[in-house]
């Protein structure tokens, strides 16, 4: 095993111990939809759906399913000056996004619905839709340049 492999394995162990990992584009898979976007994508918004929550509790974003794969994976082939990710449901849900520039959590940004918007650098993003009681609520997820 060379030094690069040892370092990559050590980093993977550290990242997995947090329960949230940033995947490589070639290895990233999602429980629900994946998105590959470049500016001017159509249709806008891009949409997906799934069930919120999971077995892992996080202090800032409630219960998420970080056991096997993120709910959604977003691959941005270029940086976006503005991109909006939002989720909606009949229940109080949360949004966790882990990407090249860090981990973000949103709860109640738009009424009871989560939203993360602004500048997004190019790269791979993993998305989890959480909830506060592990209830597994149906949700709609969308990405828009507007």
N, C-alpha and C. Protein backbone atom coordinates (compact mmCIF):
# COMPACT_ATOMS: atom_id res chain seq x y z
N UNK A 1 0.85 -1.17 0.00
CA UNK A 1 0.00 0.00 0.00
C UNK A 1 0.90 1.24 0.00
N UNK A 2 0.70 2.13 -0.94
CA UNK A 2 1.55 3.31 -1.00
C UNK A 2 1.06 4.40 -0.04
N UNK A 3 1.82 5.46 0.09
CA UNK A 3 1.48 6.54 1.03
C UNK A 3 0.14 7.17 0.69
N UNK A 4 -0.15 7.37 -0.61
CA UNK A 4 -1.43 7.96 -1.00
C UNK A 4 -2.59 7.09 -0.54
N UNK A 5 -2.50 5.78 -0.75
CA UNK A 5 -3.57 4.87 -0.35
C UNK A 5 -3.76 4.89 1.16
N UNK A 6 -2.64 4.87 1.92
CA UNK A 6 -2.74 4.92 3.38
C UNK A 6 -3.40 6.23 3.82
N UNK A 7 -3.00 7.34 3.21
CA UNK A 7 -3.58 8.63 3.58
C UNK A 7 -5.06 8.69 3.23
N UNK A 8 -5.42 8.18 2.06
CA UNK A 8 -6.83 8.19 1.65
C UNK A 8 -7.66 7.31 2.57
N UNK A 9 -7.13 6.15 2.96
CA UNK A 9 -7.86 5.27 3.88
C UNK A 9 -8.03 5.93 5.24
N UNK A 10 -6.99 6.58 5.74
CA UNK A 10 -7.09 7.26 7.04
C UNK A 10 -8.11 8.39 6.97
N UNK A 11 -8.11 9.14 5.89
CA UNK A 11 -9.09 10.21 5.73
C UNK A 11 -10.50 9.65 5.67
N UNK A 12 -10.69 8.55 4.97
CA UNK A 12 -12.02 7.93 4.88
C UNK A 12 -12.52 7.51 6.25
N UNK A 13 -11.64 6.95 7.08
CA UNK A 13 -12.03 6.54 8.44
C UNK A 13 -12.44 7.75 9.25
N UNK A 14 -11.69 8.83 9.16
CA UNK A 14 -12.01 10.05 9.90
C UNK A 14 -13.35 10.61 9.44
N UNK A 15 -13.55 10.69 8.13
CA UNK A 15 -14.80 11.24 7.61
C UNK A 15 -15.99 10.36 7.96
N UNK A 16 -15.83 9.04 7.86
CA UNK A 16 -16.95 8.14 8.15
C UNK A 16 -17.32 8.19 9.63
N UNK A 17 -16.37 8.48 10.49
CA UNK A 17 -16.68 8.54 11.92
C UNK A 17 -17.61 9.70 12.24
N UNK A 18 -17.69 10.69 11.36
CA UNK A 18 -18.62 11.80 11.57
C UNK A 18 -20.02 11.44 11.13
N UNK A 19 -20.16 10.37 10.36
CA UNK A 19 -21.47 9.97 9.88
C UNK A 19 -21.85 10.61 8.56
N UNK A 20 -21.11 11.61 8.14
CA UNK A 20 -21.37 12.28 6.87
C UNK A 20 -20.07 12.32 6.09
N UNK A 21 -20.09 11.83 4.88
CA UNK A 21 -18.88 11.83 4.08
C UNK A 21 -19.11 12.58 2.78
N UNK A 22 -18.06 13.16 2.29
CA UNK A 22 -18.10 13.78 0.98
C UNK A 22 -17.59 12.76 0.00
N UNK A 23 -18.42 12.36 -0.95
CA UNK A 23 -18.05 11.32 -1.90
C UNK A 23 -17.33 11.89 -3.10
N UNK A 24 -16.64 11.01 -3.80
CA UNK A 24 -16.02 11.37 -5.06
C UNK A 24 -17.07 11.16 -6.14
N UNK A 25 -17.05 11.99 -7.18
CA UNK A 25 -18.09 11.94 -8.21
C UNK A 25 -18.27 10.54 -8.79
N UNK A 26 -17.19 9.84 -9.03
CA UNK A 26 -17.31 8.52 -9.64
C UNK A 26 -17.90 7.50 -8.67
N UNK A 27 -17.79 7.73 -7.36
CA UNK A 27 -18.25 6.77 -6.38
C UNK A 27 -19.58 7.16 -5.75
N UNK A 28 -20.00 8.40 -5.93
CA UNK A 28 -21.19 8.89 -5.25
C UNK A 28 -22.44 8.23 -5.81
N UNK A 29 -23.32 7.77 -4.92
CA UNK A 29 -24.61 7.25 -5.33
C UNK A 29 -25.63 7.77 -4.33
N UNK A 30 -26.87 7.79 -4.75
CA UNK A 30 -27.92 8.36 -3.91
C UNK A 30 -29.03 7.35 -3.70
N UNK A 31 -29.74 7.50 -2.58
CA UNK A 31 -30.93 6.68 -2.34
C UNK A 31 -32.05 7.05 -3.31
N UNK A 32 -32.10 8.32 -3.71
CA UNK A 32 -33.13 8.80 -4.63
C UNK A 32 -32.43 9.41 -5.85
N UNK A 33 -32.85 10.57 -6.33
CA UNK A 33 -32.30 11.15 -7.56
C UNK A 33 -30.91 11.74 -7.36
N UNK A 34 -30.14 11.68 -8.45
CA UNK A 34 -28.87 12.39 -8.56
C UNK A 34 -29.02 13.42 -9.67
N UNK A 35 -28.24 14.50 -9.56
CA UNK A 35 -28.33 15.60 -10.51
C UNK A 35 -26.94 15.96 -11.00
N UNK A 36 -26.77 16.16 -12.30
CA UNK A 36 -25.54 16.68 -12.88
C UNK A 36 -25.93 17.99 -13.55
N UNK A 37 -25.36 19.11 -13.07
CA UNK A 37 -25.83 20.43 -13.51
C UNK A 37 -24.70 21.29 -14.04
N UNK A 38 -25.04 22.11 -15.02
CA UNK A 38 -24.20 23.21 -15.47
C UNK A 38 -25.12 24.41 -15.66
N UNK A 39 -24.55 25.61 -15.73
CA UNK A 39 -25.39 26.81 -15.78
C UNK A 39 -26.35 26.74 -16.98
N UNK A 40 -27.56 27.26 -16.77
CA UNK A 40 -28.59 27.25 -17.78
C UNK A 40 -29.31 25.92 -17.91
N UNK A 41 -29.20 25.05 -16.87
CA UNK A 41 -29.83 23.74 -16.95
C UNK A 41 -31.35 23.85 -17.14
N UNK A 42 -31.89 22.85 -17.84
CA UNK A 42 -33.34 22.76 -18.02
C UNK A 42 -33.76 21.32 -17.77
N UNK A 43 -34.95 21.08 -17.28
CA UNK A 43 -35.86 22.13 -16.81
C UNK A 43 -35.33 22.76 -15.52
N UNK A 44 -35.76 23.94 -15.26
CA UNK A 44 -35.45 24.65 -14.02
C UNK A 44 -36.79 25.00 -13.38
N UNK A 45 -37.11 24.39 -12.24
CA UNK A 45 -36.22 23.64 -11.35
C UNK A 45 -36.08 22.16 -11.73
N UNK A 46 -34.95 21.58 -11.29
CA UNK A 46 -34.77 20.14 -11.30
C UNK A 46 -35.41 19.64 -10.01
N UNK A 47 -36.12 18.52 -10.05
CA UNK A 47 -36.84 18.06 -8.86
C UNK A 47 -36.60 16.59 -8.57
N UNK A 48 -36.78 16.26 -7.32
CA UNK A 48 -36.70 14.88 -6.85
C UNK A 48 -37.61 14.72 -5.65
N UNK A 49 -37.71 13.51 -5.14
CA UNK A 49 -38.56 13.27 -3.97
C UNK A 49 -38.01 12.08 -3.20
N UNK A 50 -38.52 11.91 -2.00
CA UNK A 50 -38.09 10.79 -1.17
C UNK A 50 -38.77 10.82 0.18
N UNK A 51 -38.19 10.09 1.13
CA UNK A 51 -38.67 10.04 2.51
C UNK A 51 -37.61 10.65 3.42
N UNK A 52 -38.03 11.54 4.31
CA UNK A 52 -37.11 12.21 5.22
C UNK A 52 -36.68 11.30 6.36
N UNK A 53 -35.70 11.78 7.10
CA UNK A 53 -35.31 11.13 8.34
C UNK A 53 -34.44 9.91 8.17
N UNK A 54 -34.18 9.27 9.29
CA UNK A 54 -33.34 8.09 9.34
C UNK A 54 -32.91 7.81 10.76
N UNK A 55 -31.98 6.89 10.94
CA UNK A 55 -31.60 6.45 12.29
C UNK A 55 -30.59 7.33 13.01
N UNK A 56 -29.91 8.24 12.30
CA UNK A 56 -28.84 9.02 12.94
C UNK A 56 -29.34 10.40 13.34
N UNK A 57 -29.17 10.74 14.62
CA UNK A 57 -29.59 12.04 15.13
C UNK A 57 -28.43 13.02 15.06
N UNK A 58 -28.68 14.22 14.53
CA UNK A 58 -27.71 15.31 14.55
C UNK A 58 -28.33 16.46 15.34
N UNK A 59 -27.53 17.13 16.13
CA UNK A 59 -28.04 18.21 16.99
C UNK A 59 -28.70 19.34 16.20
N UNK A 60 -28.12 19.69 15.05
CA UNK A 60 -28.61 20.86 14.32
C UNK A 60 -29.68 20.54 13.28
N UNK A 61 -29.77 19.30 12.82
CA UNK A 61 -30.71 18.99 11.72
C UNK A 61 -31.55 17.75 11.97
N UNK A 62 -31.65 17.28 13.19
CA UNK A 62 -32.54 16.17 13.49
C UNK A 62 -32.05 14.84 12.96
N UNK A 63 -33.00 13.97 12.62
CA UNK A 63 -32.69 12.62 12.17
C UNK A 63 -32.45 12.58 10.66
N UNK A 64 -31.34 11.95 10.27
CA UNK A 64 -31.02 11.76 8.85
C UNK A 64 -30.62 10.31 8.62
N UNK A 65 -30.64 9.91 7.36
CA UNK A 65 -30.24 8.55 6.99
C UNK A 65 -28.86 8.59 6.38
N UNK A 66 -27.83 8.53 7.23
CA UNK A 66 -26.46 8.59 6.73
C UNK A 66 -25.81 7.21 6.73
N UNK A 67 -26.60 6.16 6.83
CA UNK A 67 -26.07 4.81 6.95
C UNK A 67 -25.43 4.32 5.66
N UNK A 68 -26.14 4.39 4.54
CA UNK A 68 -25.61 3.80 3.32
C UNK A 68 -25.25 4.81 2.24
N UNK A 69 -26.09 5.78 2.01
CA UNK A 69 -25.88 6.75 0.93
C UNK A 69 -26.70 7.99 1.23
N UNK A 70 -26.30 9.14 0.66
CA UNK A 70 -27.13 10.33 0.82
C UNK A 70 -28.46 10.16 0.08
N UNK A 71 -29.42 11.00 0.41
CA UNK A 71 -30.70 10.97 -0.30
C UNK A 71 -30.53 11.38 -1.76
N UNK A 72 -29.72 12.41 -1.99
CA UNK A 72 -29.48 12.91 -3.34
C UNK A 72 -28.01 13.26 -3.48
N UNK A 73 -27.50 13.21 -4.70
CA UNK A 73 -26.14 13.66 -5.01
C UNK A 73 -26.26 14.69 -6.11
N UNK A 74 -25.54 15.80 -5.94
CA UNK A 74 -25.50 16.86 -6.95
C UNK A 74 -24.07 16.98 -7.44
N UNK A 75 -23.87 16.91 -8.73
CA UNK A 75 -22.56 17.14 -9.33
C UNK A 75 -22.65 18.43 -10.11
N UNK A 76 -21.91 19.45 -9.66
CA UNK A 76 -21.87 20.73 -10.38
C UNK A 76 -20.61 20.74 -11.23
N UNK A 77 -20.77 20.81 -12.53
CA UNK A 77 -19.62 20.80 -13.44
C UNK A 77 -18.92 22.15 -13.51
N UNK A 78 -19.53 23.15 -12.93
CA UNK A 78 -18.95 24.49 -12.85
C UNK A 78 -19.52 25.18 -11.62
N UNK A 79 -18.89 26.25 -11.19
CA UNK A 79 -19.40 27.01 -10.05
C UNK A 79 -20.67 27.76 -10.46
N UNK A 80 -21.56 27.96 -9.49
CA UNK A 80 -22.80 28.70 -9.71
C UNK A 80 -22.76 29.96 -8.85
N UNK A 81 -22.94 31.12 -9.46
CA UNK A 81 -23.02 32.36 -8.69
C UNK A 81 -24.24 32.33 -7.79
N UNK A 82 -25.32 31.68 -8.26
CA UNK A 82 -26.51 31.51 -7.43
C UNK A 82 -27.19 30.19 -7.77
N UNK A 83 -27.43 29.40 -6.73
CA UNK A 83 -28.19 28.16 -6.86
C UNK A 83 -29.00 28.01 -5.58
N UNK A 84 -30.26 27.59 -5.74
CA UNK A 84 -31.14 27.41 -4.59
C UNK A 84 -31.51 25.93 -4.47
N UNK A 85 -31.27 25.36 -3.30
CA UNK A 85 -31.73 24.01 -2.98
C UNK A 85 -32.79 24.16 -1.90
N UNK A 86 -33.95 23.55 -2.13
CA UNK A 86 -35.00 23.63 -1.11
C UNK A 86 -35.80 22.35 -1.10
N UNK A 87 -36.43 22.11 0.03
CA UNK A 87 -37.27 20.92 0.19
C UNK A 87 -38.59 21.36 0.80
N UNK A 88 -39.65 20.63 0.45
CA UNK A 88 -40.96 20.93 1.00
C UNK A 88 -41.66 19.63 1.38
N UNK A 89 -42.52 19.73 2.39
CA UNK A 89 -43.22 18.57 2.91
C UNK A 89 -44.41 19.04 3.73
N UNK A 90 -45.28 18.12 4.10
CA UNK A 90 -46.37 18.43 5.02
C UNK A 90 -45.91 18.40 6.46
N UNK A 91 -44.63 18.12 6.68
CA UNK A 91 -44.06 18.05 8.03
C UNK A 91 -42.87 18.99 8.12
N UNK A 92 -42.36 19.17 9.32
CA UNK A 92 -41.19 20.02 9.56
C UNK A 92 -39.94 19.22 9.23
N UNK A 93 -39.31 19.51 8.08
CA UNK A 93 -38.14 18.78 7.64
C UNK A 93 -36.91 19.68 7.66
N UNK A 94 -35.74 19.08 7.50
CA UNK A 94 -34.47 19.80 7.49
C UNK A 94 -33.69 19.41 6.24
N UNK A 95 -32.65 20.18 5.96
CA UNK A 95 -31.82 19.96 4.78
C UNK A 95 -30.36 20.01 5.20
N UNK A 96 -29.63 18.93 4.93
CA UNK A 96 -28.19 18.86 5.20
C UNK A 96 -27.48 18.69 3.86
N UNK A 97 -26.50 19.55 3.60
CA UNK A 97 -25.72 19.45 2.37
C UNK A 97 -24.24 19.47 2.75
N UNK A 98 -23.50 18.48 2.25
CA UNK A 98 -22.06 18.40 2.45
C UNK A 98 -21.41 18.49 1.08
N UNK A 99 -20.53 19.48 0.92
CA UNK A 99 -19.89 19.69 -0.37
C UNK A 99 -18.44 20.08 -0.23
N UNK A 100 -17.84 20.53 -1.31
CA UNK A 100 -16.42 20.86 -1.29
C UNK A 100 -16.06 21.99 -0.35
N UNK A 101 -17.02 22.82 0.01
CA UNK A 101 -16.72 23.94 0.90
C UNK A 101 -17.30 23.77 2.30
N UNK A 102 -17.75 22.57 2.66
CA UNK A 102 -18.20 22.34 4.04
C UNK A 102 -19.56 21.69 4.15
N UNK A 103 -20.07 21.72 5.39
CA UNK A 103 -21.36 21.11 5.73
C UNK A 103 -22.33 22.23 6.10
N UNK A 104 -23.54 22.14 5.55
CA UNK A 104 -24.56 23.15 5.83
C UNK A 104 -25.85 22.48 6.26
N UNK A 105 -26.54 23.10 7.21
CA UNK A 105 -27.83 22.61 7.67
C UNK A 105 -28.83 23.76 7.61
N UNK A 106 -30.03 23.47 7.14
CA UNK A 106 -31.08 24.48 7.12
C UNK A 106 -32.35 23.90 7.72
N UNK A 107 -32.98 24.70 8.55
CA UNK A 107 -34.26 24.35 9.15
C UNK A 107 -35.08 25.63 9.23
N UNK A 108 -36.28 25.60 8.72
CA UNK A 108 -37.21 26.73 8.85
C UNK A 108 -36.73 28.01 8.18
N UNK A 109 -36.04 27.92 7.05
CA UNK A 109 -35.61 29.12 6.33
C UNK A 109 -36.76 29.76 5.56
N UNK A 110 -37.73 28.94 5.17
CA UNK A 110 -38.86 29.40 4.36
C UNK A 110 -40.12 28.85 5.02
N UNK A 111 -40.60 29.53 6.08
CA UNK A 111 -41.66 28.95 6.91
C UNK A 111 -41.07 27.79 7.68
N UNK A 112 -41.66 26.61 7.55
CA UNK A 112 -41.08 25.41 8.17
C UNK A 112 -40.19 24.64 7.20
N UNK A 113 -40.00 25.17 6.00
CA UNK A 113 -39.25 24.45 4.98
C UNK A 113 -37.81 24.93 4.89
N UNK A 114 -36.87 24.01 4.68
CA UNK A 114 -35.45 24.37 4.59
C UNK A 114 -35.04 24.84 3.20
N UNK A 115 -34.04 25.70 3.17
CA UNK A 115 -33.51 26.22 1.91
C UNK A 115 -32.06 26.63 2.11
N UNK A 116 -31.23 26.32 1.14
CA UNK A 116 -29.84 26.79 1.13
C UNK A 116 -29.61 27.39 -0.25
N UNK A 117 -29.21 28.66 -0.28
CA UNK A 117 -29.02 29.32 -1.57
C UNK A 117 -27.82 30.24 -1.51
N UNK A 118 -27.30 30.57 -2.69
CA UNK A 118 -26.17 31.46 -2.80
C UNK A 118 -25.15 30.90 -3.77
N UNK A 119 -23.89 31.26 -3.56
CA UNK A 119 -22.79 30.79 -4.41
C UNK A 119 -22.46 29.34 -4.06
N UNK A 120 -22.31 28.50 -5.07
CA UNK A 120 -21.93 27.09 -4.90
C UNK A 120 -20.71 26.81 -5.79
N UNK A 121 -19.57 26.44 -5.23
CA UNK A 121 -18.42 26.08 -6.06
C UNK A 121 -18.65 24.74 -6.78
N UNK A 122 -17.95 24.55 -7.88
CA UNK A 122 -18.03 23.29 -8.62
C UNK A 122 -17.64 22.13 -7.71
N UNK A 123 -18.23 20.97 -7.95
CA UNK A 123 -17.88 19.79 -7.18
C UNK A 123 -19.08 18.91 -6.91
N UNK A 124 -18.86 17.94 -6.02
CA UNK A 124 -19.89 16.97 -5.66
C UNK A 124 -20.49 17.32 -4.31
N UNK A 125 -21.81 17.28 -4.23
CA UNK A 125 -22.55 17.59 -3.00
C UNK A 125 -23.43 16.40 -2.64
N UNK A 126 -23.43 16.05 -1.37
CA UNK A 126 -24.31 15.02 -0.86
C UNK A 126 -25.40 15.68 -0.04
N UNK A 127 -26.64 15.23 -0.24
CA UNK A 127 -27.82 15.88 0.34
C UNK A 127 -28.62 14.87 1.15
N UNK A 128 -28.97 15.28 2.37
CA UNK A 128 -29.87 14.50 3.21
C UNK A 128 -31.05 15.37 3.60
N UNK A 129 -32.25 14.80 3.58
CA UNK A 129 -33.44 15.48 4.06
C UNK A 129 -33.80 14.83 5.39
N UNK A 130 -33.75 15.62 6.45
CA UNK A 130 -34.00 15.10 7.79
C UNK A 130 -35.33 15.54 8.34
N UNK A 131 -35.62 15.08 9.55
CA UNK A 131 -36.79 15.54 10.29
C UNK A 131 -36.49 15.43 11.78
N UNK A 132 -37.37 15.98 12.59
CA UNK A 132 -37.09 16.07 14.02
C UNK A 132 -37.55 14.88 14.84
N UNK A 133 -38.35 13.99 14.24
CA UNK A 133 -38.82 12.85 15.03
C UNK A 133 -38.59 11.50 14.36
N UNK A 134 -37.81 11.48 13.27
CA UNK A 134 -37.52 10.23 12.58
C UNK A 134 -38.72 9.62 11.90
N UNK A 135 -39.71 10.47 11.56
CA UNK A 135 -40.99 9.99 11.06
C UNK A 135 -41.03 9.48 9.64
N UNK A 136 -40.05 9.81 8.81
CA UNK A 136 -40.07 9.35 7.44
C UNK A 136 -41.17 9.98 6.61
N UNK A 137 -41.12 11.30 6.44
CA UNK A 137 -42.16 12.04 5.73
C UNK A 137 -41.82 12.19 4.24
N UNK A 138 -42.82 12.12 3.38
CA UNK A 138 -42.61 12.36 1.95
C UNK A 138 -42.20 13.82 1.76
N UNK A 139 -41.25 14.04 0.86
CA UNK A 139 -40.81 15.41 0.57
C UNK A 139 -40.56 15.56 -0.92
N UNK A 140 -40.53 16.81 -1.34
CA UNK A 140 -40.12 17.20 -2.69
C UNK A 140 -38.85 18.03 -2.54
N UNK A 141 -37.86 17.77 -3.36
CA UNK A 141 -36.59 18.48 -3.35
C UNK A 141 -36.42 19.17 -4.69
N UNK A 142 -35.92 20.42 -4.67
CA UNK A 142 -35.74 21.12 -5.94
C UNK A 142 -34.45 21.93 -5.95
N UNK A 143 -33.93 22.10 -7.15
CA UNK A 143 -32.74 22.92 -7.41
C UNK A 143 -33.10 23.92 -8.50
N UNK A 144 -32.77 25.20 -8.26
CA UNK A 144 -33.11 26.23 -9.23
C UNK A 144 -32.04 27.31 -9.28
N UNK A 145 -31.86 27.89 -10.46
CA UNK A 145 -30.97 29.04 -10.61
C UNK A 145 -31.70 30.34 -10.33
N UNK A 146 -32.99 30.27 -10.04
CA UNK A 146 -33.79 31.48 -9.80
C UNK A 146 -34.24 31.57 -8.37
